[in-house]
Protein backbone atom coordinates (compact mmCIF):
# COMPACT_ATOMS: atom_id res chain seq x y z
CA MET A 1 1.60 28.14 -3.30
CA LEU A 2 0.90 31.36 -0.85
CA ALA A 3 -0.72 30.41 2.49
CA LYS A 4 -3.99 32.26 1.14
CA GLU A 5 -3.99 30.17 -1.74
CA ARG A 6 -3.41 26.78 0.18
CA LEU A 7 -6.77 27.85 2.11
CA LEU A 8 -8.89 29.16 -0.44
CA TYR A 9 -8.16 25.18 -2.33
CA ILE A 10 -8.75 23.60 1.20
CA LEU A 11 -12.27 25.28 1.60
CA LYS A 12 -12.97 24.44 -2.22
CA ARG A 13 -11.92 20.86 -1.53
CA LEU A 14 -14.35 20.70 1.45
CA HIS A 15 -16.91 22.35 -0.60
CA ASP A 16 -16.78 19.47 -3.14
CA GLN A 17 -16.54 16.85 -0.23
CA PRO A 18 -17.41 16.30 3.63
CA SER A 19 -13.95 15.55 4.54
CA ILE A 20 -10.27 15.52 3.64
CA SER A 21 -7.19 14.15 5.33
CA VAL A 22 -3.80 15.56 6.08
CA THR A 23 -2.17 13.19 3.75
CA ASP A 24 -4.33 13.72 0.94
CA LEU A 25 -4.10 17.75 1.22
CA CYS A 26 -0.15 16.89 1.47
CA LYS A 27 0.23 15.06 -1.73
CA GLU A 28 -1.85 17.52 -3.66
CA LEU A 29 -0.48 20.79 -2.36
CA GLY A 30 3.06 19.41 -1.92
CA VAL A 31 3.83 20.61 1.41
CA SER A 32 4.42 19.10 4.95
CA LYS A 33 2.07 17.84 7.26
CA SER A 34 3.09 20.85 9.47
CA THR A 35 2.48 23.10 6.93
CA ILE A 36 -1.30 21.86 6.38
CA GLN A 37 -2.21 21.50 10.08
CA ARG A 38 -1.27 25.19 10.42
CA ASP A 39 -3.64 25.55 7.82
CA LEU A 40 -6.24 23.91 9.14
CA LYS A 41 -5.82 25.08 12.67
CA ALA A 42 -6.34 28.89 11.10
CA LEU A 43 -9.30 27.67 9.36
CA GLU A 44 -10.82 26.18 12.41
CA GLN A 45 -10.12 29.58 14.22
CA ASP A 46 -11.95 31.42 11.69
CA GLY A 47 -15.03 29.20 12.20
CA LYS A 48 -14.77 27.80 8.58
CA VAL A 49 -13.95 24.13 8.93
CA ASP A 50 -13.67 21.40 11.90
CA ARG A 51 -10.67 19.74 12.82
CA ALA A 52 -11.34 16.01 13.43
CA ARG A 53 -9.65 12.65 13.23
CA GLY A 54 -6.50 13.52 10.87
CA GLY A 55 -7.85 16.04 8.75
CA ALA A 56 -10.71 18.32 8.53
CA ILE A 57 -14.51 18.20 7.94
CA GLN A 58 -17.33 20.94 6.87
CA LYS A 59 -18.08 22.99 9.42
CA ASN A 60 -21.22 21.60 11.20
CA PHE A 61 -20.77 18.39 9.16
CA ASP A 62 -22.93 15.99 10.93
CA GLU A 63 -21.51 12.63 9.37
CA THR A 64 -21.62 9.04 10.73
CA MET A 65 -18.08 7.92 11.22
CA SER A 66 -17.19 4.38 9.22
CA ASP A 67 -14.75 2.87 7.59
CA LEU A 68 -15.43 5.28 4.63
CA THR A 69 -14.59 8.24 6.37
CA GLU A 70 -11.85 7.17 9.15
CA VAL A 71 -8.09 8.01 8.12
CA PRO A 72 -5.01 6.06 8.74
CA VAL A 73 -3.86 5.90 12.50
CA LEU A 74 -0.37 7.61 11.76
CA ASP A 75 -2.16 10.60 10.08
CA LYS A 76 -4.19 11.34 13.25
CA LEU A 77 -1.46 11.13 15.53
CA GLY A 78 -0.81 14.67 15.78
CA VAL A 79 -4.56 15.69 15.99
CA HIS A 80 -5.50 17.12 19.46
CA ILE A 81 -2.31 15.75 21.11
CA LYS A 82 -2.26 18.01 23.95
CA GLU A 83 -6.12 17.24 24.69
CA LYS A 84 -4.79 13.58 24.66
CA GLN A 85 -2.23 13.76 26.50
CA ALA A 86 -3.92 15.81 29.52
CA VAL A 87 -6.65 13.45 29.26
CA CYS A 88 -4.11 10.19 29.40
CA LYS A 89 -2.14 11.72 32.21
CA GLU A 90 -4.86 11.82 34.36
CA ALA A 91 -6.29 8.49 33.44
CA ALA A 92 -2.99 6.72 33.85
CA LYS A 93 -3.31 7.63 37.94
CA MET A 94 -5.95 4.66 37.88
CA ILE A 95 -3.05 2.10 36.96
CA ASN A 96 -1.41 0.11 39.97
CA ASP A 97 1.24 -1.92 40.53
CA GLY A 98 0.10 -5.85 39.76
CA ASP A 99 -3.00 -4.74 37.40
CA LEU A 100 -3.86 -6.55 34.31
CA VAL A 101 -4.39 -3.66 31.87
CA PHE A 102 -6.07 -3.73 28.37
CA LEU A 103 -5.19 -0.80 26.04
CA ASP A 104 -7.70 -0.06 23.15
CA SER A 105 -6.01 0.96 19.87
CA GLY A 106 -6.09 4.23 18.77
CA THR A 107 -4.00 7.71 19.07
CA THR A 108 -5.70 8.84 22.45
CA PRO A 109 -4.54 5.18 24.24
CA VAL A 110 -1.30 5.49 23.12
CA GLN A 111 -0.67 8.61 25.26
CA LEU A 112 -0.80 6.61 28.24
CA LEU A 113 2.19 4.78 27.59
CA PRO A 114 4.89 7.28 29.27
CA TYR A 115 3.07 6.79 32.34
CA LEU A 116 3.38 2.86 32.09
CA GLN A 117 7.22 2.65 31.90
CA ASN A 118 7.95 2.12 35.68
CA LYS A 119 4.73 0.05 36.65
CA ARG A 120 4.91 -3.57 37.21
CA ILE A 121 1.93 -4.47 35.09
CA LYS A 122 0.62 -6.94 32.73
CA VAL A 123 -0.76 -5.11 29.41
CA VAL A 124 -3.09 -6.77 26.97
CA THR A 125 -3.72 -4.89 23.13
CA ASN A 126 -4.90 -5.43 20.03
CA SER A 127 -3.01 -2.68 18.64
CA PHE A 128 0.32 -3.06 16.68
CA PHE A 129 0.54 0.66 16.77
CA LEU A 130 0.74 0.87 20.33
CA LEU A 131 2.64 -2.29 20.73
CA SER A 132 5.68 -0.94 18.92
CA ARG A 133 5.79 2.03 21.25
CA LEU A 134 5.11 0.18 24.35
CA SER A 135 8.14 -0.60 26.79
CA ILE A 136 7.69 -1.83 30.12
CA PRO A 137 10.91 -3.44 31.59
CA ASN A 138 9.26 -4.63 35.11
CA GLY A 139 5.99 -5.89 33.30
CA SER A 140 4.65 -8.16 30.88
CA ILE A 141 3.30 -7.30 27.23
CA TYR A 142 0.44 -9.98 25.32
CA MET A 143 -0.56 -8.99 21.98
CA LEU A 144 -3.87 -10.41 20.58
CA GLY A 145 -3.77 -11.90 17.12
CA GLY A 146 -6.95 -11.89 14.53
CA ALA A 147 -7.80 -10.17 11.37
CA TYR A 148 -5.20 -7.68 10.91
CA ASN A 149 -6.01 -4.31 9.52
CA PRO A 150 -2.92 -2.29 8.12
CA LYS A 151 -5.01 1.18 8.26
CA TYR A 152 -5.66 1.08 12.09
CA GLU A 153 -2.42 -1.35 12.66
CA THR A 154 -4.68 -3.32 14.98
CA CYS A 155 -6.29 -6.91 15.11
CA TYR A 156 -9.83 -7.77 15.27
CA GLY A 157 -12.72 -10.27 14.79
CA PRO A 158 -14.10 -13.58 16.26
CA SER A 159 -10.64 -14.98 16.84
CA THR A 160 -9.52 -11.75 18.55
CA ILE A 161 -12.74 -11.88 20.96
CA GLU A 162 -12.07 -15.34 21.50
CA GLN A 163 -8.99 -14.59 23.13
CA ILE A 164 -10.36 -11.55 25.10
CA LYS A 165 -12.82 -14.05 27.00
CA GLU A 166 -9.81 -15.84 28.18
CA PHE A 167 -8.72 -12.58 30.14
CA ARG A 168 -10.41 -10.67 33.54
CA PHE A 169 -8.89 -7.35 33.18
CA ASP A 170 -8.57 -5.32 36.29
CA LYS A 171 -8.32 -2.07 34.15
CA VAL A 172 -9.84 -1.35 30.90
CA PHE A 173 -8.86 1.82 28.93
CA ILE A 174 -11.19 2.45 25.93
CA GLY A 175 -11.26 5.15 23.01
CA ALA A 176 -14.18 5.54 20.69
CA ASN A 177 -15.02 7.74 17.29
CA GLY A 178 -17.79 9.44 18.70
CA VAL A 179 -19.98 10.38 21.57
CA ASP A 180 -23.63 11.27 21.56
CA LEU A 181 -24.01 13.61 25.16
CA ASP A 182 -27.80 13.47 24.87
CA LEU A 183 -28.30 10.02 24.30
CA GLY A 184 -25.38 8.61 26.16
CA GLU A 185 -24.19 6.55 23.33
CA VAL A 186 -20.36 5.98 22.62
CA TYR A 187 -19.82 5.05 19.06
CA ALA A 188 -17.06 2.98 16.93
CA SER A 189 -16.58 3.18 12.98
CA GLU A 190 -16.96 -0.38 12.70
CA PHE A 191 -18.99 -3.13 13.63
CA GLU A 192 -16.24 -5.44 14.12
CA VAL A 193 -14.30 -3.01 16.14
CA GLY A 194 -17.35 -2.09 18.19
CA ALA A 195 -17.70 -5.61 19.04
CA LEU A 196 -14.04 -6.00 20.21
CA LYS A 197 -14.56 -2.92 22.65
CA LYS A 198 -17.93 -4.44 24.02
CA ALA A 199 -16.37 -7.73 24.90
CA VAL A 200 -13.48 -5.85 26.21
CA MET A 201 -15.71 -4.02 28.58
CA GLU A 202 -17.74 -7.33 29.58
CA ARG A 203 -14.19 -8.94 30.59
CA GLY A 204 -12.90 -5.80 32.92
CA LYS A 205 -13.57 -4.90 36.46
CA HIS A 206 -13.20 -1.36 35.69
CA SER A 207 -13.69 0.49 32.49
CA TYR A 208 -12.32 4.01 31.61
CA LEU A 209 -13.53 5.93 28.28
CA LEU A 210 -10.70 8.32 26.90
CA VAL A 211 -11.95 11.08 24.56
CA ASP A 212 -11.07 14.57 23.78
CA HIS A 213 -13.97 17.25 23.29
CA SER A 214 -13.81 16.67 19.21
CA LYS A 215 -15.67 13.17 19.81
CA PHE A 216 -18.82 15.26 20.95
CA SER A 217 -19.56 16.15 17.51
CA LEU A 218 -19.49 12.31 15.72
CA THR A 219 -21.40 9.54 15.81
CA GLY A 220 -20.48 6.08 14.61
CA ILE A 221 -22.10 3.31 12.49
CA SER A 222 -21.57 0.98 15.76
CA THR A 223 -23.05 1.71 19.41
CA PHE A 224 -20.71 -0.26 21.77
CA GLY A 225 -21.46 1.41 25.15
CA TYR A 226 -23.08 3.98 27.00
CA LEU A 227 -21.52 6.53 28.93
CA ASN A 228 -23.23 5.45 32.25
CA GLN A 229 -21.17 1.93 31.75
CA PHE A 230 -17.96 3.82 32.48
CA ASP A 231 -16.50 4.08 35.87
CA LYS A 232 -14.71 7.16 34.73
CA ILE A 233 -14.75 8.95 31.29
CA PHE A 234 -11.61 11.44 31.01
CA VAL A 235 -12.17 14.33 28.81
CA ASP A 236 -10.23 17.60 28.56
CA ASP A 237 -13.47 19.59 28.31
CA PHE A 238 -17.20 19.23 28.64
CA PRO A 239 -20.03 21.40 27.31
CA THR A 240 -21.88 23.25 30.32
CA ASP A 241 -25.14 22.85 28.49
CA LYS A 242 -25.12 18.91 28.45
CA LYS A 243 -26.14 16.55 31.02
CA ASN A 244 -23.93 16.26 33.99
CA TYR A 245 -22.79 12.95 34.08
CA LYS A 246 -21.08 11.98 37.54
CA ASN A 247 -18.27 10.09 36.19
CA ILE A 248 -16.91 12.97 33.99
CA VAL A 249 -13.27 13.79 34.77
CA ILE A 250 -12.26 17.18 33.18
CA SER A 251 -8.41 17.00 32.46
CA LYS A 252 -6.53 20.29 31.65
C-alpha cells in the first residue's frame, strides 16, 4: 500500500471511531511501527489528527481518558519521546544521594532512569515496566506488590496502597493521563490508579509532576490531584494564554 493510501485509511478509521492505536494500525496495514508513526506525524503536521498515547485521536477530540481508551504501555513508549526525555533530564536534578524516591508507572517517569545509575538512593515503584529497566548499582530498589495489570505492567489496589503507607518518601515523581490547565486538575485514566497516585503524594515530602504538552488536551475519569499541590511541574512547553503557575518548569 502506498503512503497516500495509508494516510487515507487512517483518516477513515478515525472518522469511524475517536481513536486508534499504533499497534492496531500496524496489524491492519501490515507495516512497521516506525512507518505508522511517520504517517501519524505527517497527518498531525497537516492538522488532520492529534497524536496521543501510542496512537492518534480525532482532531479536537475531547474524550475523557479511561481504561477503554488507554493503550498498552509498550505502544506509547516512543510517543513524544524527546519531550519526555527533556522533562526528565531537568526533573532528575531534584534527586540527591540518600533520597528515598518513588517513581510512578508510565512512559514519562521511565525516562528518569538514565540519570539514576550513579546515584546512592533508594527507589520504590509499583511498575514492572520500570523495574525491568532500572539499574542503580549503588542503591536499593523496592517493588510494591498488589493486583497486577499486564496492560500497564503495574500493580495497584488496596494492598499496594497499604504498602505505600509504610514509606515516607523524600521525592515523589508522578505522571498523568491528562491535565486541565483552567481547573488546575490532574487526571488518571482509572480510579484505582488515581487512588494510588494520591496515596503516594500524601506520603511524599516533595511531589513533582512530569508531563509533556500533549496531556494538556486530555482529561481522565479520576482527579487525583491539583497543579498547586506539586512543588514543581516539569513540562516541555506551556501555553502562553493559560494561567501562569509559579511552579512550572519548562524543559527544552
